[in-house]
Amino acid sequence: MPVDPNWLDFLEDVSGRADGYWIFRGEADNAWELQPKVGRPHVCGPAGYRLADEMILFNDFCREAPRYERGSGFTATDWLAVAQHHGLPTRLLDWTTNPLTAAWFAVADEANSHDGRIHMIRVVTRSVVIDPFAIAGSPVIAHVPALAARITAQQGLFSIHPNPDLTWTPSGVGIMYETFDVPAGSKPEFRRTLHHLGFDSSRLMSDLDGLTKTLQWKYHNRT
């Protein structure tokens, strides 16, 4: 089966971004903006976003989480990273150094019929943040502590947003920002190609949920 030209376009586009400074994020819908989950209106509910409520949410997680994860010596950023990867709304956005990982997140949802988007940022400086609630101004790109298998599998890092109720268009000194859209009609070919290259739920989610999603996809798409 011939490879969809859009896949080749994607490979050509990202092949020039292999200098070690580019990071990537895949979105299933190109209309979605860069905004952390904790600040999104449909997540905040009628009360809207308030910092005090975000802190209560995070502190509740830190109080209850040691029943499942001891977290000995964890910083606030460590706990926030763990919370993010277990679905808690946080002020973080996930990024990866691997464009194929981002492409998978842009096309993996078979129920989403919109064009996908891969966000690409070239940023030279990446921080190690101890207190994610102390930063101010623009979002900070931060190294990820290797605390969860998914973070390692996805070659992940974060942007930390001091104002999660605001959308973000990356800009500023030392930052380049570009996007690549995946047409909805090209998503099946992207999924098949990425699967053959080893990029699927079983690898990137690194748990039984990821394994079962991959096996279900293979069952559904068998010929």
Protein backbone atom coordinates (compact mmCIF):
# COMPACT_ATOMS: atom_id res chain seq x y z
CA MET A 1 0.00 0.00 0.00
CA PRO A 2 1.50 3.36 -0.97
CA VAL A 3 2.30 5.74 1.83
CA ASP A 4 0.01 8.77 1.96
CA PRO A 5 1.88 11.84 0.63
CA ASN A 6 0.93 13.74 3.75
CA TRP A 7 3.01 11.31 5.79
CA LEU A 8 5.98 12.03 3.55
CA ASP A 9 5.30 15.74 3.90
CA PHE A 10 5.38 15.30 7.66
CA LEU A 11 8.68 13.42 7.58
CA GLU A 12 10.21 16.07 5.36
CA ASP A 13 8.94 18.81 7.66
CA VAL A 14 10.35 17.33 10.87
CA SER A 15 13.60 16.07 9.35
CA GLY A 16 14.90 19.63 9.50
CA ARG A 17 14.15 19.84 13.21
CA ALA A 18 16.64 17.31 14.48
CA ASP A 19 19.09 19.68 16.15
CA GLY A 20 18.00 18.70 19.67
CA TYR A 21 16.20 21.96 20.42
CA TRP A 22 12.74 21.22 19.01
CA ILE A 23 9.87 19.85 21.08
CA PHE A 24 6.50 18.63 19.82
CA ARG A 25 2.87 18.26 20.93
CA GLY A 26 0.10 16.46 19.07
CA GLU A 27 -3.57 17.51 19.23
CA ALA A 28 -6.45 15.57 17.70
CA ASP A 29 -8.23 18.79 16.68
CA ASN A 30 -6.38 21.71 15.10
CA ALA A 31 -8.91 24.12 16.63
CA TRP A 32 -7.73 23.29 20.15
CA GLU A 33 -5.48 25.93 21.65
CA LEU A 34 -2.49 25.52 23.92
CA GLN A 35 -4.08 25.74 27.35
CA PRO A 36 -3.60 23.52 30.41
CA LYS A 37 -6.52 21.37 31.46
CA VAL A 38 -6.98 22.99 34.86
CA GLY A 39 -7.78 26.32 33.19
CA ARG A 40 -10.08 25.13 30.42
CA PRO A 41 -13.66 26.43 30.84
CA HIS A 42 -15.32 23.04 30.30
CA VAL A 43 -13.10 21.57 33.03
CA CYS A 44 -13.40 24.46 35.51
CA GLY A 45 -17.18 24.37 35.48
CA PRO A 46 -19.48 27.28 36.34
CA ALA A 47 -17.13 28.62 39.04
CA GLY A 48 -14.38 29.28 36.50
CA TYR A 49 -10.66 29.12 37.19
CA ARG A 50 -9.32 30.32 40.54
CA LEU A 51 -5.78 29.80 41.81
CA ALA A 52 -7.05 28.99 45.30
CA ASP A 53 -9.19 26.18 43.91
CA GLU A 54 -6.29 24.83 41.86
CA MET A 55 -4.15 24.71 45.01
CA ILE A 56 -6.88 22.86 46.91
CA LEU A 57 -7.12 20.33 44.08
CA PHE A 58 -3.35 19.81 44.03
CA ASN A 59 -3.00 19.64 47.82
CA ASP A 60 -5.82 17.09 48.01
CA PHE A 61 -3.95 14.97 45.48
CA CYS A 62 -0.66 15.25 47.40
CA ARG A 63 -2.42 14.26 50.61
CA GLU A 64 -4.16 11.20 49.16
CA ALA A 65 -1.63 10.01 46.56
CA PRO A 66 0.89 8.48 49.03
CA ARG A 67 -1.60 5.65 49.56
CA TYR A 68 -0.60 4.55 46.02
CA GLU A 69 2.75 6.29 45.42
CA ARG A 70 5.04 6.98 48.38
CA GLY A 71 6.73 9.90 46.67
CA SER A 72 9.63 10.02 49.08
CA GLY A 73 11.60 13.19 48.41
CA PHE A 74 9.24 14.40 45.68
CA THR A 75 9.20 18.12 44.90
CA ALA A 76 5.98 19.92 44.03
CA THR A 77 6.90 19.56 40.34
CA ASP A 78 7.39 15.81 40.81
CA TRP A 79 3.93 15.46 42.30
CA LEU A 80 2.44 17.65 39.60
CA ALA A 81 4.03 15.49 36.89
CA VAL A 82 2.61 12.33 38.45
CA ALA A 83 -0.81 13.98 38.82
CA GLN A 84 -0.75 15.05 35.16
CA HIS A 85 -0.01 11.56 33.92
CA HIS A 86 -2.82 10.09 35.97
CA GLY A 87 -5.40 12.50 34.57
CA LEU A 88 -5.62 15.23 37.19
CA PRO A 89 -6.25 18.71 35.72
CA THR A 90 -2.99 20.63 36.19
CA ARG A 91 -1.16 23.70 34.92
CA LEU A 92 1.08 21.51 32.77
CA LEU A 93 1.01 20.73 29.07
CA ASP A 94 2.77 17.60 27.81
CA TRP A 95 5.46 17.87 25.14
CA THR A 96 7.91 15.38 23.68
CA THR A 97 11.29 15.50 22.01
CA ASN A 98 10.09 12.86 19.51
CA PRO A 99 7.93 14.13 16.61
CA LEU A 100 6.56 10.63 15.96
CA THR A 101 5.17 10.52 19.49
CA ALA A 102 3.44 13.85 18.88
CA ALA A 103 2.07 12.56 15.58
CA TRP A 104 0.57 9.56 17.34
CA PHE A 105 -1.29 11.78 19.80
CA ALA A 106 -2.58 13.85 16.89
CA VAL A 107 -4.15 10.85 15.12
CA ALA A 108 -4.75 8.14 17.74
CA ASP A 109 -8.40 8.98 18.50
CA GLU A 110 -10.36 7.23 15.76
CA ALA A 111 -13.58 8.89 16.91
CA ASN A 112 -12.21 12.37 16.21
CA SER A 113 -13.03 13.44 12.64
CA HIS A 114 -11.26 16.80 12.71
CA ASP A 115 -7.88 17.72 11.25
CA GLY A 116 -5.13 17.14 13.78
CA ARG A 117 -2.26 19.44 14.59
CA ILE A 118 1.35 18.96 15.66
CA HIS A 119 2.75 21.95 17.54
CA MET A 120 6.50 22.47 17.22
CA ILE A 121 8.63 24.77 19.37
CA ARG A 122 12.35 25.38 19.12
CA VAL A 123 13.56 26.45 22.53
CA VAL A 124 17.19 26.47 23.61
CA THR A 125 16.72 26.82 27.37
CA ARG A 126 14.90 24.23 29.46
CA SER A 127 14.52 24.68 33.18
CA VAL A 128 14.49 22.47 36.23
CA VAL A 129 11.59 23.83 38.25
CA ILE A 130 11.27 23.09 41.98
CA ASP A 131 8.09 25.06 42.67
CA PRO A 132 5.72 25.15 39.67
CA PHE A 133 3.46 27.62 41.49
CA ALA A 134 6.22 30.22 41.93
CA ILE A 135 6.95 31.00 38.29
CA ALA A 136 5.55 34.17 36.73
CA GLY A 137 5.21 35.64 33.28
CA SER A 138 5.42 33.31 30.29
CA PRO A 139 5.20 29.51 30.47
CA VAL A 140 8.44 27.68 31.23
CA ILE A 141 9.67 24.57 29.42
CA ALA A 142 10.80 22.15 32.09
CA HIS A 143 12.67 18.87 32.24
CA VAL A 144 10.57 15.96 33.40
CA PRO A 145 11.54 13.84 36.40
CA ALA A 146 11.64 10.17 35.41
CA LEU A 147 8.85 9.21 37.79
CA ALA A 148 6.31 7.51 35.55
CA ALA A 149 6.84 4.92 32.85
CA ARG A 150 4.66 6.90 30.46
CA ILE A 151 6.85 9.99 30.81
CA THR A 152 9.95 8.01 29.90
CA ALA A 153 8.22 6.12 27.08
CA GLN A 154 6.95 9.34 25.55
CA GLN A 155 10.31 11.14 25.90
CA GLY A 156 8.31 13.78 27.69
CA LEU A 157 8.76 17.22 29.15
CA PHE A 158 6.33 19.95 30.16
CA SER A 159 5.41 23.54 29.71
CA ILE A 160 4.37 24.99 33.07
CA HIS A 161 1.78 27.77 32.81
CA PRO A 162 1.58 30.42 35.54
CA ASN A 163 -1.79 31.56 34.13
CA PRO A 164 -3.56 28.37 33.08
CA ASP A 165 -6.77 30.21 32.30
CA LEU A 166 -5.02 31.86 29.33
CA THR A 167 -4.26 30.30 25.97
CA TRP A 168 -0.63 30.38 24.83
CA THR A 169 0.96 31.26 21.51
CA PRO A 170 4.68 30.56 22.02
CA SER A 171 6.82 33.59 21.23
CA GLY A 172 9.74 35.56 22.58
CA VAL A 173 13.50 35.63 22.47
CA GLY A 174 15.02 32.30 21.45
CA ILE A 175 11.67 30.68 20.60
CA MET A 176 10.46 29.53 17.18
CA TYR A 177 6.91 28.19 16.88
CA GLU A 178 5.37 26.35 13.93
CA THR A 179 2.58 23.85 13.32
CA PHE A 180 1.88 20.94 10.99
CA ASP A 181 -1.74 19.96 10.34
CA VAL A 182 -2.76 16.36 9.63
CA PRO A 183 -5.87 16.23 7.41
CA ALA A 184 -8.64 14.09 8.87
CA GLY A 185 -8.55 11.87 5.78
CA SER A 186 -4.87 11.16 6.35
CA LYS A 187 -5.21 10.09 9.96
CA PRO A 188 -5.82 6.37 9.21
CA GLU A 189 -2.63 6.18 7.14
CA PHE A 190 -0.70 7.98 9.89
CA ARG A 191 -2.05 5.49 12.45
CA ARG A 192 -1.10 2.48 10.34
CA THR A 193 2.38 3.80 9.57
CA LEU A 194 3.06 4.79 13.18
CA HIS A 195 1.89 1.38 14.38
CA HIS A 196 4.31 -0.35 12.01
CA LEU A 197 7.07 1.91 13.30
CA GLY A 198 6.29 0.89 16.88
CA PHE A 199 4.36 3.97 17.96
CA ASP A 200 1.09 2.91 19.57
CA SER A 201 -0.66 2.77 22.94
CA SER A 202 1.20 -0.29 24.17
CA ARG A 203 4.54 1.48 23.80
CA LEU A 204 3.62 5.04 24.67
CA MET A 205 1.23 4.39 27.56
CA SER A 206 3.46 1.65 29.05
CA ASP A 207 0.74 -0.08 31.03
CA LEU A 208 -2.07 -2.61 30.58
CA ASP A 209 -4.47 0.10 29.44
CA GLY A 210 -2.09 0.95 26.63
CA LEU A 211 -1.66 -2.71 25.72
CA THR A 212 -5.40 -3.36 25.54
CA LYS A 213 -5.97 -0.24 23.41
CA THR A 214 -3.37 -1.45 20.93
CA LEU A 215 -4.80 -4.97 20.78
CA GLN A 216 -8.31 -3.57 20.29
CA TRP A 217 -7.05 -1.38 17.43
CA LYS A 218 -5.34 -4.35 15.76
CA TYR A 219 -8.51 -6.44 16.11
CA HIS A 220 -10.70 -3.71 14.62
CA ASN A 221 -8.35 -3.07 11.69
CA ARG A 222 -7.55 -6.67 10.79
CA THR A 223 -8.12 -7.73 7.19
